[in-house]
Amino acid sequence: MNSRKKIMGSILRKYIRQTLLEDLEAFKQDLSGDPKFNHNWSDRADEDDEPEEDILLGYHGRAAQGRIIKKAFAKHADRDFLKTLKLVHWTNDKAKLIKALQTPRSRDELSAAAYLPDTVEPSAAFGRYGLIVNGHITLLSNDMNDIQSGHSEFYRKANPERARSSGANKGIGVVANDSIVLSKEDWDNEWSRSFLGNEALVDNWEATGVIIPDEDYDEMVEVFDELYDKTGKEYNLYKASMLE
């Protein structure tokens, strides 16, 4: 009986893995079948050197290509898996973090690092302050360099009417489908660690807490007290040393 259970378990695991692989191929086929999707798309404009009109034109393209790939992602992504991920937007700008709590632009898609449960760690590369959020993941890649989503302010400038009606929705600066994560089978934490890290685009997000350097703890407690007095909302507060 135990031998039969092992065989059935093996068959089931093989079936599930094959189904997930088929989902990834179906995702790629959806993109291949869309005449508006440019598989050679690339917008790597240096925001510091390029004329702003060229940058905004590129961001129009990023948004357009992003809408197509996010539609395919929504069709094939394993939402049960995505809902287990912990999402943190890292920044070195403490004032920006506080502003995101005070006046959140929740309709603007946010770039965040995604973590498996109980694996959140301080970011050495992208900031000392972490905004912890919940929200709807519209796109996830093992390597943020394979998305090149860019900055929300350029999306707002490139298409202000769309931004006013539905928020500044991010797109893609390059096409690298092999790093897209649809399910746990596609997740590659070692890949993320080896390069810049992964990237999740998060829409309709809500802040649930912050991660701060230990020395900023007392100041943030005061900020939280003020926010509670004004809004009645409470947030989780973590010292960076608690994650190490």
C-alpha atoms as a PDB file:
ATOM      1  CA  MET A   1       0.000   0.000   0.000  1.00  0.00           C
ATOM      2  CA  ASN A   2       2.821   2.422   0.879  1.00  0.00           C
ATOM      3  CA  SER A   3       4.536   1.628  -2.417  1.00  0.00           C
ATOM      4  CA  ARG A   4       1.335   2.408  -4.296  1.00  0.00           C
ATOM      5  CA  LYS A   5       0.972   5.731  -2.465  1.00  0.00           C
ATOM      6  CA  LYS A   6       4.536   6.674  -3.395  1.00  0.00           C
ATOM      7  CA  ILE A   7       3.889   5.864  -7.052  1.00  0.00           C
ATOM      8  CA  MET A   8       0.648   7.859  -7.059  1.00  0.00           C
ATOM      9  CA  GLY A   9       2.407  10.755  -5.336  1.00  0.00           C
ATOM     10  CA  SER A  10       5.181  10.717  -7.910  1.00  0.00           C
ATOM     11  CA  ILE A  11       2.673  10.706 -10.770  1.00  0.00           C
ATOM     12  CA  LEU A  12       0.757  13.591  -9.196  1.00  0.00           C
ATOM     13  CA  ARG A  13       3.909  15.677  -8.721  1.00  0.00           C
ATOM     14  CA  LYS A  14       4.944  14.996 -12.318  1.00  0.00           C
ATOM     15  CA  TYR A  15       1.486  16.026 -13.543  1.00  0.00           C
ATOM     16  CA  ILE A  16       1.524  19.254 -11.523  1.00  0.00           C
ATOM     17  CA  ARG A  17       5.020  20.176 -12.748  1.00  0.00           C
ATOM     18  CA  GLN A  18       4.070  19.445 -16.367  1.00  0.00           C
ATOM     19  CA  THR A  19       0.951  21.579 -15.998  1.00  0.00           C
ATOM     20  CA  LEU A  20       3.015  24.478 -14.654  1.00  0.00           C
ATOM     21  CA  LEU A  21       5.538  24.145 -17.470  1.00  0.00           C
ATOM     22  CA  GLU A  22       2.682  24.169 -19.942  1.00  0.00           C
ATOM     23  CA  ASP A  23       1.431  27.394 -18.324  1.00  0.00           C
ATOM     24  CA  LEU A  24       4.803  29.043 -18.937  1.00  0.00           C
ATOM     25  CA  GLU A  25       4.778  27.951 -22.566  1.00  0.00           C
ATOM     26  CA  ALA A  26       1.179  29.107 -22.940  1.00  0.00           C
ATOM     27  CA  PHE A  27       2.195  32.484 -21.501  1.00  0.00           C
ATOM     28  CA  LYS A  28       4.939  32.809 -24.127  1.00  0.00           C
ATOM     29  CA  GLN A  29       2.573  31.680 -26.884  1.00  0.00           C
ATOM     30  CA  ASP A  30       0.062  34.368 -25.904  1.00  0.00           C
ATOM     31  CA  LEU A  31       2.785  36.974 -26.341  1.00  0.00           C
ATOM     32  CA  SER A  32       3.925  35.454 -29.636  1.00  0.00           C
ATOM     33  CA  GLY A  33       0.374  35.553 -30.942  1.00  0.00           C
ATOM     34  CA  ASP A  34      -0.152  39.237 -30.149  1.00  0.00           C
ATOM     35  CA  PRO A  35       0.830  41.347 -33.184  1.00  0.00           C
ATOM     36  CA  LYS A  36       1.255  44.417 -30.974  1.00  0.00           C
ATOM     37  CA  PHE A  37       3.881  42.786 -28.769  1.00  0.00           C
ATOM     38  CA  ASN A  38       7.438  43.582 -29.827  1.00  0.00           C
ATOM     39  CA  HIS A  39       9.790  40.775 -28.787  1.00  0.00           C
ATOM     40  CA  ASN A  40      12.753  42.980 -29.646  1.00  0.00           C
ATOM     41  CA  TRP A  41      11.471  45.872 -27.552  1.00  0.00           C
ATOM     42  CA  SER A  42      14.154  47.781 -25.660  1.00  0.00           C
ATOM     43  CA  ASP A  43      14.144  51.181 -24.015  1.00  0.00           C
ATOM     44  CA  ARG A  44      17.329  51.761 -22.051  1.00  0.00           C
ATOM     45  CA  ALA A  45      17.360  55.564 -22.137  1.00  0.00           C
ATOM     46  CA  ASP A  46      19.653  57.110 -19.560  1.00  0.00           C
ATOM     47  CA  GLU A  47      17.288  59.391 -17.667  1.00  0.00           C
ATOM     48  CA  ASP A  48      20.198  61.676 -16.722  1.00  0.00           C
ATOM     49  CA  ASP A  49      21.496  62.295 -20.239  1.00  0.00           C
ATOM     50  CA  GLU A  50      18.618  61.913 -22.711  1.00  0.00           C
ATOM     51  CA  PRO A  51      16.288  64.816 -23.631  1.00  0.00           C
ATOM     52  CA  GLU A  52      13.071  64.548 -21.655  1.00  0.00           C
ATOM     53  CA  GLU A  53      10.903  64.293 -24.801  1.00  0.00           C
ATOM     54  CA  ASP A  54      12.846  61.155 -25.824  1.00  0.00           C
ATOM     55  CA  ILE A  55      12.498  59.697 -22.361  1.00  0.00           C
ATOM     56  CA  LEU A  56       8.731  60.251 -22.325  1.00  0.00           C
ATOM     57  CA  LEU A  57       8.371  58.706 -25.780  1.00  0.00           C
ATOM     58  CA  GLY A  58      10.221  55.649 -24.504  1.00  0.00           C
ATOM     59  CA  TYR A  59       7.946  55.472 -21.478  1.00  0.00           C
ATOM     60  CA  HIS A  60       4.911  55.444 -23.779  1.00  0.00           C
ATOM     61  CA  GLY A  61       6.415  52.329 -25.339  1.00  0.00           C
ATOM     62  CA  ARG A  62       7.242  50.795 -21.975  1.00  0.00           C
ATOM     63  CA  ALA A  63       3.655  51.221 -20.813  1.00  0.00           C
ATOM     64  CA  ALA A  64       2.188  49.801 -24.028  1.00  0.00           C
ATOM     65  CA  GLN A  65       4.389  46.701 -24.002  1.00  0.00           C
ATOM     66  CA  GLY A  66       3.791  46.334 -20.279  1.00  0.00           C
ATOM     67  CA  ARG A  67       0.022  46.224 -20.698  1.00  0.00           C
ATOM     68  CA  ILE A  68       0.345  43.299 -23.109  1.00  0.00           C
ATOM     69  CA  ILE A  69       2.726  41.246 -20.985  1.00  0.00           C
ATOM     70  CA  LYS A  70       0.722  41.928 -17.809  1.00  0.00           C
ATOM     71  CA  LYS A  71      -2.457  40.720 -19.517  1.00  0.00           C
ATOM     72  CA  ALA A  72      -0.755  37.408 -20.330  1.00  0.00           C
ATOM     73  CA  PHE A  73       0.683  37.260 -16.818  1.00  0.00           C
ATOM     74  CA  ALA A  74      -2.758  37.731 -15.274  1.00  0.00           C
ATOM     75  CA  LYS A  75      -4.114  34.872 -17.371  1.00  0.00           C
ATOM     76  CA  HIS A  76      -1.455  32.315 -16.424  1.00  0.00           C
ATOM     77  CA  ALA A  77      -0.085  33.320 -12.999  1.00  0.00           C
ATOM     78  CA  ASP A  78      -0.672  31.131  -9.952  1.00  0.00           C
ATOM     79  CA  ARG A  79      -2.454  33.592  -7.679  1.00  0.00           C
ATOM     80  CA  ASP A  80      -2.379  31.237  -4.693  1.00  0.00           C
ATOM     81  CA  PHE A  81       1.429  31.284  -4.842  1.00  0.00           C
ATOM     82  CA  LEU A  82       1.687  35.031  -5.450  1.00  0.00           C
ATOM     83  CA  LYS A  83      -0.462  35.728  -2.388  1.00  0.00           C
ATOM     84  CA  THR A  84       2.094  33.977  -0.171  1.00  0.00           C
ATOM     85  CA  LEU A  85       4.895  36.393  -1.107  1.00  0.00           C
ATOM     86  CA  LYS A  86       5.997  39.214   1.163  1.00  0.00           C
ATOM     87  CA  LEU A  87       6.492  42.528  -0.658  1.00  0.00           C
ATOM     88  CA  VAL A  88       8.867  45.331   0.351  1.00  0.00           C
ATOM     89  CA  HIS A  89       9.603  48.592  -1.462  1.00  0.00           C
ATOM     90  CA  TRP A  90      13.115  49.695  -0.470  1.00  0.00           C
ATOM     91  CA  THR A  91      14.371  53.282  -0.455  1.00  0.00           C
ATOM     92  CA  ASN A  92      17.175  55.372   1.023  1.00  0.00           C
ATOM     93  CA  ASP A  93      14.825  58.347   1.314  1.00  0.00           C
ATOM     94  CA  LYS A  94      13.226  58.378   4.761  1.00  0.00           C
ATOM     95  CA  ALA A  95      11.056  61.381   3.870  1.00  0.00           C
ATOM     96  CA  LYS A  96       9.716  59.479   0.846  1.00  0.00           C
ATOM     97  CA  LEU A  97       8.854  56.529   3.076  1.00  0.00           C
ATOM     98  CA  ILE A  98       6.934  58.729   5.508  1.00  0.00           C
ATOM     99  CA  LYS A  99       5.127  60.490   2.644  1.00  0.00           C
ATOM    100  CA  ALA A 100       4.051  57.095   1.246  1.00  0.00           C
ATOM    101  CA  LEU A 101       2.400  56.420   4.603  1.00  0.00           C
ATOM    102  CA  GLN A 102       0.841  59.862   4.938  1.00  0.00           C
ATOM    103  CA  THR A 103      -0.407  60.308   1.349  1.00  0.00           C
ATOM    104  CA  PRO A 104      -0.149  56.952  -0.446  1.00  0.00           C
ATOM    105  CA  ARG A 105      -0.466  56.831  -4.248  1.00  0.00           C
ATOM    106  CA  SER A 106      -1.966  53.356  -4.107  1.00  0.00           C
ATOM    107  CA  ARG A 107      -3.175  53.480  -7.732  1.00  0.00           C
ATOM    108  CA  ASP A 108       0.399  54.024  -8.943  1.00  0.00           C
ATOM    109  CA  GLU A 109       2.081  50.684  -9.465  1.00  0.00           C
ATOM    110  CA  LEU A 110       4.903  50.186  -7.004  1.00  0.00           C
ATOM    111  CA  SER A 111       8.124  48.275  -7.602  1.00  0.00           C
ATOM    112  CA  ALA A 112       8.843  45.895  -4.746  1.00  0.00           C
ATOM    113  CA  ALA A 113      11.173  43.085  -3.807  1.00  0.00           C
ATOM    114  CA  ALA A 114       9.328  39.792  -3.306  1.00  0.00           C
ATOM    115  CA  TYR A 115      10.228  37.270  -0.606  1.00  0.00           C
ATOM    116  CA  LEU A 116       9.080  33.823   0.365  1.00  0.00           C
ATOM    117  CA  PRO A 117       7.547  33.710   3.865  1.00  0.00           C
ATOM    118  CA  ASP A 118      10.089  34.255   6.679  1.00  0.00           C
ATOM    119  CA  THR A 119      12.902  35.179   4.276  1.00  0.00           C
ATOM    120  CA  VAL A 120      12.714  39.003   4.302  1.00  0.00           C
ATOM    121  CA  GLU A 121      16.144  40.539   4.824  1.00  0.00           C
ATOM    122  CA  PRO A 122      17.551  44.088   4.784  1.00  0.00           C
ATOM    123  CA  SER A 123      18.482  45.420   1.360  1.00  0.00           C
ATOM    124  CA  ALA A 124      22.097  46.449   0.942  1.00  0.00           C
ATOM    125  CA  ALA A 125      21.675  47.733  -2.612  1.00  0.00           C
ATOM    126  CA  PHE A 126      18.334  49.531  -2.778  1.00  0.00           C
ATOM    127  CA  GLY A 127      17.807  51.279   0.511  1.00  0.00           C
ATOM    128  CA  ARG A 128      17.840  51.141   4.269  1.00  0.00           C
ATOM    129  CA  TYR A 129      14.114  51.818   4.634  1.00  0.00           C
ATOM    130  CA  GLY A 130      11.505  49.256   3.632  1.00  0.00           C
ATOM    131  CA  LEU A 131       7.807  49.896   3.010  1.00  0.00           C
ATOM    132  CA  ILE A 132       5.945  46.615   3.533  1.00  0.00           C
ATOM    133  CA  VAL A 133       2.859  46.368   1.316  1.00  0.00           C
ATOM    134  CA  ASN A 134       0.001  44.119   0.326  1.00  0.00           C
ATOM    135  CA  GLY A 135      -1.443  44.396  -3.167  1.00  0.00           C
ATOM    136  CA  HIS A 136      -2.133  42.855  -6.538  1.00  0.00           C
ATOM    137  CA  ILE A 137       1.021  41.628  -8.314  1.00  0.00           C
ATOM    138  CA  THR A 138       0.723  42.486 -12.003  1.00  0.00           C
ATOM    139  CA  LEU A 139       4.170  41.190 -13.025  1.00  0.00           C
ATOM    140  CA  LEU A 140       7.009  39.314 -11.318  1.00  0.00           C
ATOM    141  CA  SER A 141      10.529  38.600 -12.561  1.00  0.00           C
ATOM    142  CA  ASN A 142      13.436  36.753 -10.947  1.00  0.00           C
ATOM    143  CA  ASP A 143      15.726  39.553 -12.136  1.00  0.00           C
ATOM    144  CA  MET A 144      14.687  43.214 -12.045  1.00  0.00           C
ATOM    145  CA  ASN A 145      17.160  43.886 -14.837  1.00  0.00           C
ATOM    146  CA  ASP A 146      14.896  41.793 -17.080  1.00  0.00           C
ATOM    147  CA  ILE A 147      12.002  44.206 -16.574  1.00  0.00           C
ATOM    148  CA  GLN A 148      13.586  47.662 -16.471  1.00  0.00           C
ATOM    149  CA  SER A 149      10.270  49.111 -15.308  1.00  0.00           C
ATOM    150  CA  GLY A 150      11.576  52.623 -14.702  1.00  0.00           C
ATOM    151  CA  HIS A 151      10.173  55.434 -12.581  1.00  0.00           C
ATOM    152  CA  SER A 152       6.560  56.347 -11.879  1.00  0.00           C
ATOM    153  CA  GLU A 153       7.091  60.084 -12.390  1.00  0.00           C
ATOM    154  CA  PHE A 154       7.973  59.517 -16.048  1.00  0.00           C
ATOM    155  CA  TYR A 155       4.816  57.460 -16.593  1.00  0.00           C
ATOM    156  CA  ARG A 156       2.784  60.307 -15.075  1.00  0.00           C
ATOM    157  CA  LYS A 157       4.432  62.833 -17.388  1.00  0.00           C
ATOM    158  CA  ALA A 158       4.229  60.573 -20.463  1.00  0.00           C
ATOM    159  CA  ASN A 159       0.486  60.014 -20.144  1.00  0.00           C
ATOM    160  CA  PRO A 160      -1.026  62.377 -17.540  1.00  0.00           C
ATOM    161  CA  GLU A 161      -4.643  61.622 -18.469  1.00  0.00           C
ATOM    162  CA  ARG A 162      -4.202  57.882 -17.948  1.00  0.00           C
ATOM    163  CA  ALA A 163      -2.316  58.528 -14.720  1.00  0.00           C
ATOM    164  CA  ARG A 164      -5.155  60.702 -13.413  1.00  0.00           C
ATOM    165  CA  SER A 165      -7.818  58.123 -14.234  1.00  0.00           C
ATOM    166  CA  SER A 166      -6.084  54.843 -13.354  1.00  0.00           C
ATOM    167  CA  GLY A 167      -2.741  55.720 -11.803  1.00  0.00           C
ATOM    168  CA  ALA A 168       0.800  55.538 -13.163  1.00  0.00           C
ATOM    169  CA  ASN A 169       0.976  51.949 -14.363  1.00  0.00           C
ATOM    170  CA  LYS A 170       4.494  50.702 -15.028  1.00  0.00           C
ATOM    171  CA  GLY A 171       5.672  48.833 -18.115  1.00  0.00           C
ATOM    172  CA  ILE A 172       8.807  47.086 -19.307  1.00  0.00           C
ATOM    173  CA  GLY A 173      12.024  48.443 -20.751  1.00  0.00           C
ATOM    174  CA  VAL A 174      13.173  45.092 -22.139  1.00  0.00           C
ATOM    175  CA  VAL A 175      11.680  41.693 -22.988  1.00  0.00           C
ATOM    176  CA  ALA A 176      13.164  38.703 -21.140  1.00  0.00           C
ATOM    177  CA  ASN A 177      10.367  36.178 -20.725  1.00  0.00           C
ATOM    178  CA  ASP A 178      12.520  33.391 -19.288  1.00  0.00           C
ATOM    179  CA  SER A 179      12.855  35.176 -15.958  1.00  0.00           C
ATOM    180  CA  ILE A 180       9.107  35.766 -15.491  1.00  0.00           C
ATOM    181  CA  VAL A 181       7.677  34.028 -12.421  1.00  0.00           C
ATOM    182  CA  LEU A 182       4.206  32.559 -12.851  1.00  0.00           C
ATOM    183  CA  SER A 183       4.388  29.965 -10.085  1.00  0.00           C
ATOM    184  CA  LYS A 184       6.630  28.557  -7.377  1.00  0.00           C
ATOM    185  CA  GLU A 185       8.210  26.303 -10.006  1.00  0.00           C
ATOM    186  CA  ASP A 186       9.553  29.413 -11.769  1.00  0.00           C
ATOM    187  CA  TRP A 187      10.875  31.004  -8.567  1.00  0.00           C
ATOM    188  CA  ASP A 188      14.677  31.118  -8.484  1.00  0.00           C
ATOM    189  CA  ASN A 189      15.971  32.766  -5.336  1.00  0.00           C
ATOM    190  CA  GLU A 190      19.610  32.065  -6.188  1.00  0.00           C
ATOM    191  CA  TRP A 191      19.165  33.868  -9.514  1.00  0.00           C
ATOM    192  CA  SER A 192      17.724  36.851  -7.663  1.00  0.00           C
ATOM    193  CA  ARG A 193      20.650  36.942  -5.251  1.00  0.00           C
ATOM    194  CA  SER A 194      23.208  36.642  -8.038  1.00  0.00           C
ATOM    195  CA  PHE A 195      21.965  39.669  -9.971  1.00  0.00           C
ATOM    196  CA  LEU A 196      20.128  42.803  -8.838  1.00  0.00           C
ATOM    197  CA  GLY A 197      17.316  40.922  -7.155  1.00  0.00           C
ATOM    198  CA  ASN A 198      13.770  40.189  -8.253  1.00  0.00           C
ATOM    199  CA  GLU A 199      11.059  42.729  -8.968  1.00  0.00           C
ATOM    200  CA  ALA A 200       7.322  42.656  -8.471  1.00  0.00           C
ATOM    201  CA  LEU A 201       5.027  45.327  -9.873  1.00  0.00           C
ATOM    202  CA  VAL A 202       2.247  45.876  -7.336  1.00  0.00           C
ATOM    203  CA  ASP A 203      -1.045  47.651  -8.032  1.00  0.00           C
ATOM    204  CA  ASN A 204      -3.733  48.837  -5.608  1.00  0.00           C
ATOM    205  CA  TRP A 205      -1.257  48.447  -2.782  1.00  0.00           C
ATOM    206  CA  GLU A 206      -1.665  49.174   0.895  1.00  0.00           C
ATOM    207  CA  ALA A 207       1.149  49.757   3.363  1.00  0.00           C
ATOM    208  CA  THR A 208       1.124  47.405   6.362  1.00  0.00           C
ATOM    209  CA  GLY A 209       4.427  48.296   8.003  1.00  0.00           C
ATOM    210  CA  VAL A 210       7.987  49.533   7.683  1.00  0.00           C
ATOM    211  CA  ILE A 211      11.521  48.268   8.194  1.00  0.00           C
ATOM    212  CA  ILE A 212      13.981  50.870   9.482  1.00  0.00           C
ATOM    213  CA  PRO A 213      17.543  51.160  10.769  1.00  0.00           C
ATOM    214  CA  ASP A 214      17.608  50.571  14.513  1.00  0.00           C
ATOM    215  CA  GLU A 215      18.681  54.161  15.238  1.00  0.00           C
ATOM    216  CA  ASP A 216      15.469  55.531  13.613  1.00  0.00           C
ATOM    217  CA  TYR A 217      13.118  53.437  15.743  1.00  0.00           C
ATOM    218  CA  ASP A 218      12.094  56.120  18.278  1.00  0.00           C
ATOM    219  CA  GLU A 219      11.462  58.716  15.560  1.00  0.00           C
ATOM    220  CA  MET A 220       9.275  56.301  13.596  1.00  0.00           C
ATOM    221  CA  VAL A 221       7.250  55.471  16.703  1.00  0.00           C
ATOM    222  CA  GLU A 222       6.383  59.181  16.918  1.00  0.00           C
ATOM    223  CA  VAL A 223       5.425  59.219  13.216  1.00  0.00           C
ATOM    224  CA  PHE A 224       3.182  56.193  13.743  1.00  0.00           C
ATOM    225  CA  ASP A 225       1.526  57.854  16.740  1.00  0.00           C
ATOM    226  CA  GLU A 226       0.744  60.937  14.621  1.00  0.00           C
ATOM    227  CA  LEU A 227      -0.621  58.787  11.797  1.00  0.00           C
ATOM    228  CA  TYR A 228      -2.836  56.897  14.223  1.00  0.00           C
ATOM    229  CA  ASP A 229      -4.215  60.132  15.652  1.00  0.00           C
ATOM    230  CA  LYS A 230      -5.076  61.381  12.134  1.00  0.00           C
ATOM    231  CA  THR A 231      -6.193  58.172  10.409  1.00  0.00           C
ATOM    232  CA  GLY A 232      -6.758  55.510  13.050  1.00  0.00           C
ATOM    233  CA  LYS A 233      -4.448  53.181  11.109  1.00  0.00           C
ATOM    234  CA  GLU A 234      -1.793  51.040  12.743  1.00  0.00           C
ATOM    235  CA  TYR A 235       1.353  49.672  11.099  1.00  0.00           C
ATOM    236  CA  ASN A 236       3.919  47.041  11.975  1.00  0.00           C
ATOM    237  CA  LEU A 237       7.363  48.403  12.823  1.00  0.00           C
ATOM    238  CA  TYR A 238      10.538  46.334  12.435  1.00  0.00           C
ATOM    239  CA  LYS A 239      14.120  47.188  13.298  1.00  0.00           C
ATOM    240  CA  ALA A 240      16.561  46.031  10.636  1.00  0.00           C
ATOM    241  CA  SER A 241      18.401  43.973  13.263  1.00  0.00           C
ATOM    242  CA  MET A 242      15.244  41.918  13.796  1.00  0.00           C
ATOM    243  CA  LEU A 243      15.607  40.527  10.244  1.00  0.00           C
ATOM    244  CA  GLU A 244      19.267  39.575  10.466  1.00  0.00           C
END
